[in-house]
């Protein structure tokens, strides 16, 4: 009986903490430049991540293309859907 509970808990934790949602995924997006520094341009992606583009000659407010890594859950909204479901269950 204890073994079945352990297996059930492992399955539930695997589905909730889904490791593929934490793995870094490369994204290519259009970002808006919010600052220009000595290191390059700093912009904000559509999901709210700060992105630094090293070879950049844009100015503040310009929209440029950038590639960056972020967890897959940022883009697919997996954890947002879980929180929406939890809000329904909470009294």
PDB file of N, CA and C in Angstrom:
ATOM      1  N   UNK A   1       0.835  -1.196   0.000  1.00  0.00           N
ATOM      2  CA  UNK A   1       0.000   0.000   0.000  1.00  0.00           C
ATOM      3  C   UNK A   1       0.877   1.256   0.000  1.00  0.00           C
ATOM      4  N   UNK A   2       1.920   1.237   0.794  1.00  0.00           N
ATOM      5  CA  UNK A   2       2.820   2.390   0.870  1.00  0.00           C
ATOM      6  C   UNK A   2       3.521   2.623  -0.471  1.00  0.00           C
ATOM      7  N   UNK A   3       3.825   1.532  -1.156  1.00  0.00           N
ATOM      8  CA  UNK A   3       4.445   1.625  -2.485  1.00  0.00           C
ATOM      9  C   UNK A   3       3.528   2.298  -3.496  1.00  0.00           C
ATOM     10  N   UNK A   4       2.237   1.967  -3.454  1.00  0.00           N
ATOM     11  CA  UNK A   4       1.271   2.588  -4.363  1.00  0.00           C
ATOM     12  C   UNK A   4       1.128   4.085  -4.097  1.00  0.00           C
ATOM     13  N   UNK A   5       1.125   4.459  -2.833  1.00  0.00           N
ATOM     14  CA  UNK A   5       1.058   5.881  -2.479  1.00  0.00           C
ATOM     15  C   UNK A   5       2.303   6.603  -2.978  1.00  0.00           C
ATOM     16  N   UNK A   6       3.452   5.971  -2.838  1.00  0.00           N
ATOM     17  CA  UNK A   6       4.700   6.566  -3.317  1.00  0.00           C
ATOM     18  C   UNK A   6       4.712   6.750  -4.820  1.00  0.00           C
ATOM     19  N   UNK A   7       4.244   5.733  -5.540  1.00  0.00           N
ATOM     20  CA  UNK A   7       4.182   5.820  -7.004  1.00  0.00           C
ATOM     21  C   UNK A   7       3.185   6.898  -7.424  1.00  0.00           C
ATOM     22  N   UNK A   8       2.048   6.945  -6.789  1.00  0.00           N
ATOM     23  CA  UNK A   8       1.046   7.968  -7.104  1.00  0.00           C
ATOM     24  C   UNK A   8       1.572   9.373  -6.854  1.00  0.00           C
ATOM     25  N   UNK A   9       2.264   9.560  -5.743  1.00  0.00           N
ATOM     26  CA  UNK A   9       2.855  10.861  -5.430  1.00  0.00           C
ATOM     27  C   UNK A   9       3.912  11.239  -6.464  1.00  0.00           C
ATOM     28  N   UNK A  10       4.719  10.282  -6.877  1.00  0.00           N
ATOM     29  CA  UNK A  10       5.749  10.547  -7.887  1.00  0.00           C
ATOM     30  C   UNK A  10       5.134  10.972  -9.215  1.00  0.00           C
ATOM     31  N   UNK A  11       4.053  10.306  -9.613  1.00  0.00           N
ATOM     32  CA  UNK A  11       3.382  10.658 -10.868  1.00  0.00           C
ATOM     33  C   UNK A  11       2.789  12.061 -10.783  1.00  0.00           C
ATOM     34  N   UNK A  12       2.138  12.372  -9.685  1.00  0.00           N
ATOM     35  CA  UNK A  12       1.536  13.701  -9.517  1.00  0.00           C
ATOM     36  C   UNK A  12       2.604  14.787  -9.512  1.00  0.00           C
ATOM     37  N   UNK A  13       3.694  14.561  -8.796  1.00  0.00           N
ATOM     38  CA  UNK A  13       4.768  15.562  -8.756  1.00  0.00           C
ATOM     39  C   UNK A  13       5.422  15.735 -10.119  1.00  0.00           C
ATOM     40  N   UNK A  14       5.565  14.657 -10.858  1.00  0.00           N
ATOM     41  CA  UNK A  14       6.146  14.756 -12.206  1.00  0.00           C
ATOM     42  C   UNK A  14       5.255  15.593 -13.109  1.00  0.00           C
ATOM     43  N   UNK A  15       3.956  15.414 -13.007  1.00  0.00           N
ATOM     44  CA  UNK A  15       3.047  16.192 -13.849  1.00  0.00           C
ATOM     45  C   UNK A  15       2.967  17.654 -13.405  1.00  0.00           C
ATOM     46  N   UNK A  16       3.020  17.912 -12.103  1.00  0.00           N
ATOM     47  CA  UNK A  16       2.933  19.290 -11.603  1.00  0.00           C
ATOM     48  C   UNK A  16       4.223  20.059 -11.806  1.00  0.00           C
ATOM     49  N   UNK A  17       5.347  19.413 -11.562  1.00  0.00           N
ATOM     50  CA  UNK A  17       6.633  20.094 -11.656  1.00  0.00           C
ATOM     51  C   UNK A  17       7.309  19.841 -12.996  1.00  0.00           C
ATOM     52  N   UNK A  18       6.564  19.343 -13.948  1.00  0.00           N
ATOM     53  CA  UNK A  18       7.021  18.963 -15.283  1.00  0.00           C
ATOM     54  C   UNK A  18       8.380  19.550 -15.660  1.00  0.00           C
ATOM     55  N   UNK A  19       9.416  18.719 -15.663  1.00  0.00           N
ATOM     56  CA  UNK A  19      10.762  19.232 -15.928  1.00  0.00           C
ATOM     57  C   UNK A  19      10.902  19.891 -17.284  1.00  0.00           C
ATOM     58  N   UNK A  20      10.103  19.495 -18.258  1.00  0.00           N
ATOM     59  CA  UNK A  20      10.210  20.120 -19.575  1.00  0.00           C
ATOM     60  C   UNK A  20       9.737  21.565 -19.550  1.00  0.00           C
ATOM     61  N   UNK A  21       9.004  21.975 -18.529  1.00  0.00           N
ATOM     62  CA  UNK A  21       8.590  23.368 -18.415  1.00  0.00           C
ATOM     63  C   UNK A  21       9.680  24.241 -17.814  1.00  0.00           C
ATOM     64  N   UNK A  22      10.695  23.643 -17.206  1.00  0.00           N
ATOM     65  CA  UNK A  22      11.796  24.418 -16.619  1.00  0.00           C
ATOM     66  C   UNK A  22      13.025  24.441 -17.515  1.00  0.00           C
ATOM     67  N   UNK A  23      13.062  23.588 -18.535  1.00  0.00           N
ATOM     68  CA  UNK A  23      14.216  23.530 -19.422  1.00  0.00           C
ATOM     69  C   UNK A  23      14.303  24.822 -20.241  1.00  0.00           C
ATOM     70  N   UNK A  24      15.490  25.386 -20.366  1.00  0.00           N
ATOM     71  CA  UNK A  24      15.624  26.600 -21.158  1.00  0.00           C
ATOM     72  C   UNK A  24      15.348  26.339 -22.636  1.00  0.00           C
ATOM     73  N   UNK A  25      14.596  27.232 -23.225  1.00  0.00           N
ATOM     74  CA  UNK A  25      14.242  27.146 -24.625  1.00  0.00           C
ATOM     75  C   UNK A  25      14.662  28.440 -25.296  1.00  0.00           C
ATOM     76  N   UNK A  26      15.173  28.342 -26.502  1.00  0.00           N
ATOM     77  CA  UNK A  26      15.602  29.542 -27.210  1.00  0.00           C
ATOM     78  C   UNK A  26      14.407  30.181 -27.902  1.00  0.00           C
ATOM     79  N   UNK A  27      14.264  31.480 -27.708  1.00  0.00           N
ATOM     80  CA  UNK A  27      13.196  32.255 -28.322  1.00  0.00           C
ATOM     81  C   UNK A  27      13.793  33.325 -29.217  1.00  0.00           C
ATOM     82  N   UNK A  28      13.114  33.644 -30.283  1.00  0.00           N
ATOM     83  CA  UNK A  28      13.476  34.759 -31.148  1.00  0.00           C
ATOM     84  C   UNK A  28      12.248  35.668 -31.201  1.00  0.00           C
ATOM     85  N   UNK A  29      12.377  36.864 -30.653  1.00  0.00           N
ATOM     86  CA  UNK A  29      11.247  37.783 -30.573  1.00  0.00           C
ATOM     87  C   UNK A  29      11.673  39.192 -30.954  1.00  0.00           C
ATOM     88  N   UNK A  30      10.682  39.986 -31.212  1.00  0.00           N
ATOM     89  CA  UNK A  30      10.892  41.413 -31.378  1.00  0.00           C
ATOM     90  C   UNK A  30      10.799  42.026 -29.979  1.00  0.00           C
ATOM     91  N   UNK A  31      11.827  42.751 -29.566  1.00  0.00           N
ATOM     92  CA  UNK A  31      11.825  43.375 -28.244  1.00  0.00           C
ATOM     93  C   UNK A  31      11.900  44.881 -28.389  1.00  0.00           C
ATOM     94  N   UNK A  32      11.407  45.575 -27.394  1.00  0.00           N
ATOM     95  CA  UNK A  32      11.470  47.026 -27.358  1.00  0.00           C
ATOM     96  C   UNK A  32      12.659  47.437 -26.503  1.00  0.00           C
ATOM     97  N   UNK A  33      13.533  48.268 -27.047  1.00  0.00           N
ATOM     98  CA  UNK A  33      14.728  48.707 -26.329  1.00  0.00           C
ATOM     99  C   UNK A  33      14.310  49.691 -25.241  1.00  0.00           C
ATOM    100  N   UNK A  34      14.729  49.386 -23.991  1.00  0.00           N
ATOM    101  CA  UNK A  34      14.400  50.273 -22.871  1.00  0.00           C
ATOM    102  C   UNK A  34      15.620  51.003 -22.334  1.00  0.00           C
ATOM    103  N   UNK A  35      16.830  50.555 -22.729  1.00  0.00           N
ATOM    104  CA  UNK A  35      18.062  51.224 -22.296  1.00  0.00           C
ATOM    105  C   UNK A  35      19.201  50.833 -23.227  1.00  0.00           C
ATOM    106  N   UNK A  36      20.161  51.740 -23.344  1.00  0.00           N
ATOM    107  CA  UNK A  36      21.375  51.465 -24.108  1.00  0.00           C
ATOM    108  C   UNK A  36      22.551  51.627 -23.157  1.00  0.00           C
ATOM    109  N   UNK A  37      23.379  50.584 -23.044  1.00  0.00           N
ATOM    110  CA  UNK A  37      24.513  50.593 -22.121  1.00  0.00           C
ATOM    111  C   UNK A  37      25.803  50.334 -22.889  1.00  0.00           C
ATOM    112  N   UNK A  38      26.915  50.275 -22.158  1.00  0.00           N
ATOM    113  CA  UNK A  38      28.203  49.951 -22.777  1.00  0.00           C
ATOM    114  C   UNK A  38      28.227  48.519 -23.312  1.00  0.00           C
ATOM    115  N   UNK A  39      27.405  47.647 -22.726  1.00  0.00           N
ATOM    116  CA  UNK A  39      27.375  46.243 -23.127  1.00  0.00           C
ATOM    117  C   UNK A  39      26.446  45.998 -24.307  1.00  0.00           C
ATOM    118  N   UNK A  40      25.573  46.915 -24.618  1.00  0.00           N
ATOM    119  CA  UNK A  40      24.620  46.759 -25.711  1.00  0.00           C
ATOM    120  C   UNK A  40      23.269  47.320 -25.323  1.00  0.00           C
ATOM    121  N   UNK A  41      22.257  46.826 -25.984  1.00  0.00           N
ATOM    122  CA  UNK A  41      20.892  47.299 -25.738  1.00  0.00           C
ATOM    123  C   UNK A  41      20.176  46.359 -24.772  1.00  0.00           C
ATOM    124  N   UNK A  42      19.394  46.931 -23.894  1.00  0.00           N
ATOM    125  CA  UNK A  42      18.579  46.162 -22.962  1.00  0.00           C
ATOM    126  C   UNK A  42      17.133  46.343 -23.391  1.00  0.00           C
ATOM    127  N   UNK A  43      16.449  45.230 -23.551  1.00  0.00           N
ATOM    128  CA  UNK A  43      15.056  45.296 -23.972  1.00  0.00           C
ATOM    129  C   UNK A  43      14.191  44.382 -23.147  1.00  0.00           C
ATOM    130  N   UNK A  44      12.895  44.468 -23.389  1.00  0.00           N
ATOM    131  CA  UNK A  44      11.943  43.632 -22.666  1.00  0.00           C
ATOM    132  C   UNK A  44      11.174  42.791 -23.670  1.00  0.00           C
ATOM    133  N   UNK A  45      11.101  41.488 -23.406  1.00  0.00           N
ATOM    134  CA  UNK A  45      10.396  40.585 -24.307  1.00  0.00           C
ATOM    135  C   UNK A  45       8.900  40.664 -24.049  1.00  0.00           C
ATOM    136  N   UNK A  46       8.145  39.949 -24.863  1.00  0.00           N
ATOM    137  CA  UNK A  46       6.688  39.951 -24.733  1.00  0.00           C
ATOM    138  C   UNK A  46       6.218  39.299 -23.440  1.00  0.00           C
ATOM    139  N   UNK A  47       7.017  38.382 -22.890  1.00  0.00           N
ATOM    140  CA  UNK A  47       6.641  37.722 -21.639  1.00  0.00           C
ATOM    141  C   UNK A  47       7.250  38.402 -20.420  1.00  0.00           C
ATOM    142  N   UNK A  48       7.954  39.516 -20.619  1.00  0.00           N
ATOM    143  CA  UNK A  48       8.470  40.289 -19.499  1.00  0.00           C
ATOM    144  C   UNK A  48       9.897  39.992 -19.099  1.00  0.00           C
ATOM    145  N   UNK A  49      10.640  39.230 -19.881  1.00  0.00           N
ATOM    146  CA  UNK A  49      12.036  38.948 -19.571  1.00  0.00           C
ATOM    147  C   UNK A  49      12.920  40.082 -20.064  1.00  0.00           C
ATOM    148  N   UNK A  50      13.943  40.408 -19.294  1.00  0.00           N
ATOM    149  CA  UNK A  50      14.931  41.385 -19.737  1.00  0.00           C
ATOM    150  C   UNK A  50      15.925  40.684 -20.646  1.00  0.00           C
ATOM    151  N   UNK A  51      16.218  41.310 -21.776  1.00  0.00           N
ATOM    152  CA  UNK A  51      17.095  40.716 -22.775  1.00  0.00           C
ATOM    153  C   UNK A  51      18.183  41.724 -23.107  1.00  0.00           C
ATOM    154  N   UNK A  52      19.447  41.264 -23.150  1.00  0.00           N
ATOM    155  CA  UNK A  52      20.571  42.122 -23.528  1.00  0.00           C
ATOM    156  C   UNK A  52      21.065  41.674 -24.895  1.00  0.00           C
ATOM    157  N   UNK A  53      21.123  42.619 -25.829  1.00  0.00           N
ATOM    158  CA  UNK A  53      21.640  42.351 -27.170  1.00  0.00           C
ATOM    159  C   UNK A  53      22.990  43.047 -27.259  1.00  0.00           C
ATOM    160  N   UNK A  54      24.055  42.262 -27.422  1.00  0.00           N
ATOM    161  CA  UNK A  54      25.403  42.825 -27.325  1.00  0.00           C
ATOM    162  C   UNK A  54      25.762  43.727 -28.498  1.00  0.00           C
ATOM    163  N   UNK A  55      25.528  43.323 -29.712  1.00  0.00           N
ATOM    164  CA  UNK A  55      25.856  44.159 -30.872  1.00  0.00           C
ATOM    165  C   UNK A  55      24.606  44.899 -31.304  1.00  0.00           C
ATOM    166  N   UNK A  56      24.431  46.090 -30.768  1.00  0.00           N
ATOM    167  CA  UNK A  56      23.194  46.815 -30.992  1.00  0.00           C
ATOM    168  C   UNK A  56      23.497  48.294 -31.201  1.00  0.00           C
ATOM    169  N   UNK A  57      22.906  48.864 -32.229  1.00  0.00           N
ATOM    170  CA  UNK A  57      23.074  50.291 -32.485  1.00  0.00           C
ATOM    171  C   UNK A  57      21.734  51.019 -32.444  1.00  0.00           C
ATOM    172  N   UNK A  58      20.750  50.405 -31.811  1.00  0.00           N
ATOM    173  CA  UNK A  58      19.419  51.001 -31.720  1.00  0.00           C
ATOM    174  C   UNK A  58      19.367  52.029 -30.602  1.00  0.00           C
ATOM    175  N   UNK A  59      18.306  52.796 -30.587  1.00  0.00           N
ATOM    176  CA  UNK A  59      18.111  53.770 -29.515  1.00  0.00           C
ATOM    177  C   UNK A  59      16.870  53.375 -28.714  1.00  0.00           C
ATOM    178  N   UNK A  60      16.664  54.036 -27.600  1.00  0.00           N
ATOM    179  CA  UNK A  60      15.551  53.722 -26.704  1.00  0.00           C
ATOM    180  C   UNK A  60      14.231  53.887 -27.455  1.00  0.00           C
ATOM    181  N   UNK A  61      13.378  52.884 -27.330  1.00  0.00           N
ATOM    182  CA  UNK A  61      12.075  52.906 -27.979  1.00  0.00           C
ATOM    183  C   UNK A  61      12.027  52.133 -29.287  1.00  0.00           C
ATOM    184  N   UNK A  62      13.186  51.795 -29.859  1.00  0.00           N
ATOM    185  CA  UNK A  62      13.217  51.034 -31.103  1.00  0.00           C
ATOM    186  C   UNK A  62      12.822  49.584 -30.849  1.00  0.00           C
ATOM    187  N   UNK A  63      12.273  48.955 -31.861  1.00  0.00           N
ATOM    188  CA  UNK A  63      11.922  47.540 -31.788  1.00  0.00           C
ATOM    189  C   UNK A  63      12.944  46.777 -32.617  1.00  0.00           C
ATOM    190  N   UNK A  64      13.631  45.817 -31.974  1.00  0.00           N
ATOM    191  CA  UNK A  64      14.673  45.037 -32.644  1.00  0.00           C
ATOM    192  C   UNK A  64      14.414  43.549 -32.452  1.00  0.00           C
ATOM    193  N   UNK A  65      15.064  42.735 -33.254  1.00  0.00           N
ATOM    194  CA  UNK A  65      14.949  41.285 -33.136  1.00  0.00           C
ATOM    195  C   UNK A  65      16.035  40.783 -32.187  1.00  0.00           C
ATOM    196  N   UNK A  66      15.682  39.849 -31.319  1.00  0.00           N
ATOM    197  CA  UNK A  66      16.639  39.312 -30.355  1.00  0.00           C
ATOM    198  C   UNK A  66      16.375  37.834 -30.135  1.00  0.00           C
ATOM    199  N   UNK A  67      17.429  37.116 -29.785  1.00  0.00           N
ATOM    200  CA  UNK A  67      17.326  35.716 -29.412  1.00  0.00           C
ATOM    201  C   UNK A  67      17.779  35.575 -27.966  1.00  0.00           C
ATOM    202  N   UNK A  68      17.031  34.805 -27.180  1.00  0.00           N
ATOM    203  CA  UNK A  68      17.362  34.627 -25.766  1.00  0.00           C
ATOM    204  C   UNK A  68      16.805  33.298 -25.290  1.00  0.00           C
ATOM    205  N   UNK A  69      17.298  32.851 -24.136  1.00  0.00           N
ATOM    206  CA  UNK A  69      16.835  31.615 -23.515  1.00  0.00           C
ATOM    207  C   UNK A  69      15.952  31.942 -22.320  1.00  0.00           C
ATOM    208  N   UNK A  70      14.880  31.192 -22.169  1.00  0.00           N
ATOM    209  CA  UNK A  70      13.969  31.344 -21.034  1.00  0.00           C
ATOM    210  C   UNK A  70      13.304  29.991 -20.785  1.00  0.00           C
ATOM    211  N   UNK A  71      12.795  29.773 -19.573  1.00  0.00           N
ATOM    212  CA  UNK A  71      12.081  28.518 -19.320  1.00  0.00           C
ATOM    213  C   UNK A  71      10.856  28.397 -20.222  1.00  0.00           C
ATOM    214  N   UNK A  72      10.567  27.189 -20.646  1.00  0.00           N
ATOM    215  CA  UNK A  72       9.428  26.955 -21.538  1.00  0.00           C
ATOM    216  C   UNK A  72       8.120  27.386 -20.894  1.00  0.00           C
ATOM    217  N   UNK A  73       8.030  27.328 -19.579  1.00  0.00           N
ATOM    218  CA  UNK A  73       6.782  27.698 -18.902  1.00  0.00           C
ATOM    219  C   UNK A  73       6.462  29.183 -19.060  1.00  0.00           C
ATOM    220  N   UNK A  74       7.471  30.016 -19.328  1.00  0.00           N
ATOM    221  CA  UNK A  74       7.206  31.437 -19.551  1.00  0.00           C
ATOM    222  C   UNK A  74       6.377  31.650 -20.805  1.00  0.00           C
ATOM    223  N   UNK A  75       6.611  30.854 -21.793  1.00  0.00           N
ATOM    224  CA  UNK A  75       5.938  31.036 -23.079  1.00  0.00           C
ATOM    225  C   UNK A  75       4.632  30.264 -23.171  1.00  0.00           C
ATOM    226  N   UNK A  76       4.602  29.036 -22.654  1.00  0.00           N
ATOM    227  CA  UNK A  76       3.407  28.222 -22.864  1.00  0.00           C
ATOM    228  C   UNK A  76       2.313  28.461 -21.825  1.00  0.00           C
ATOM    229  N   UNK A  77       2.590  29.189 -20.758  1.00  0.00           N
ATOM    230  CA  UNK A  77       1.567  29.533 -19.784  1.00  0.00           C
ATOM    231  C   UNK A  77       1.084  28.369 -18.936  1.00  0.00           C
ATOM    232  N   UNK A  78       1.890  27.320 -18.822  1.00  0.00           N
ATOM    233  CA  UNK A  78       1.485  26.127 -18.081  1.00  0.00           C
ATOM    234  C   UNK A  78       1.136  26.453 -16.630  1.00  0.00           C
ATOM    235  N   UNK A  79       2.011  27.179 -15.963  1.00  0.00           N
ATOM    236  CA  UNK A  79       1.781  27.471 -14.547  1.00  0.00           C
ATOM    237  C   UNK A  79       0.701  28.533 -14.359  1.00  0.00           C
ATOM    238  N   UNK A  80       0.481  29.382 -15.316  1.00  0.00           N
ATOM    239  CA  UNK A  80      -0.628  30.338 -15.229  1.00  0.00           C
ATOM    240  C   UNK A  80      -1.960  29.597 -15.200  1.00  0.00           C
ATOM    241  N   UNK A  81      -2.084  28.567 -16.024  1.00  0.00           N
ATOM    242  CA  UNK A  81      -3.325  27.778 -16.044  1.00  0.00           C
ATOM    243  C   UNK A  81      -3.519  27.038 -14.726  1.00  0.00           C
ATOM    244  N   UNK A  82      -2.432  26.554 -14.119  1.00  0.00           N
ATOM    245  CA  UNK A  82      -2.555  25.869 -12.830  1.00  0.00           C
ATOM    246  C   UNK A  82      -3.041  26.848 -11.761  1.00  0.00           C
ATOM    247  N   UNK A  83      -2.480  28.057 -11.741  1.00  0.00           N
ATOM    248  CA  UNK A  83      -2.915  29.050 -10.755  1.00  0.00           C
ATOM    249  C   UNK A  83      -4.358  29.456 -10.975  1.00  0.00           C
ATOM    250  N   UNK A  84      -4.818  29.505 -12.217  1.00  0.00           N
ATOM    251  CA  UNK A  84      -6.223  29.816 -12.491  1.00  0.00           C
ATOM    252  C   UNK A  84      -7.126  28.724 -11.932  1.00  0.00           C
ATOM    253  N   UNK A  85      -6.725  27.471 -12.087  1.00  0.00           N
ATOM    254  CA  UNK A  85      -7.499  26.360 -11.540  1.00  0.00           C
ATOM    255  C   UNK A  85      -7.504  26.388 -10.025  1.00  0.00           C
ATOM    256  N   UNK A  86      -6.367  26.716  -9.405  1.00  0.00           N
ATOM    257  CA  UNK A  86      -6.308  26.782  -7.952  1.00  0.00           C
ATOM    258  C   UNK A  86      -7.190  27.905  -7.406  1.00  0.00           C
ATOM    259  N   UNK A  87      -7.304  29.012  -8.127  1.00  0.00           N
ATOM    260  CA  UNK A  87      -8.141  30.122  -7.678  1.00  0.00           C
ATOM    261  C   UNK A  87      -9.620  29.709  -7.638  1.00  0.00           C
ATOM    262  N   UNK A  88     -10.008  28.822  -8.535  1.00  0.00           N
ATOM    263  CA  UNK A  88     -11.392  28.332  -8.553  1.00  0.00           C
ATOM    264  C   UNK A  88     -11.664  27.433  -7.361  1.00  0.00           C
ATOM    265  N   UNK A  89     -10.668  26.650  -6.962  1.00  0.00           N
ATOM    266  CA  UNK A  89     -10.836  25.682  -5.877  1.00  0.00           C
ATOM    267  C   UNK A  89     -10.807  26.356  -4.515  1.00  0.00           C
ATOM    268  N   UNK A  90     -10.004  27.409  -4.356  1.00  0.00           N
ATOM    269  CA  UNK A  90      -9.893  28.065  -3.053  1.00  0.00           C
ATOM    270  C   UNK A  90     -11.203  28.758  -2.679  1.00  0.00           C
ATOM    271  N   UNK A  91     -11.581  28.673  -1.410  1.00  0.00           N
ATOM    272  CA  UNK A  91     -12.838  29.296  -0.967  1.00  0.00           C
ATOM    273  C   UNK A  91     -12.745  30.804  -0.897  1.00  0.00           C
TER     274      UNK A  91
END
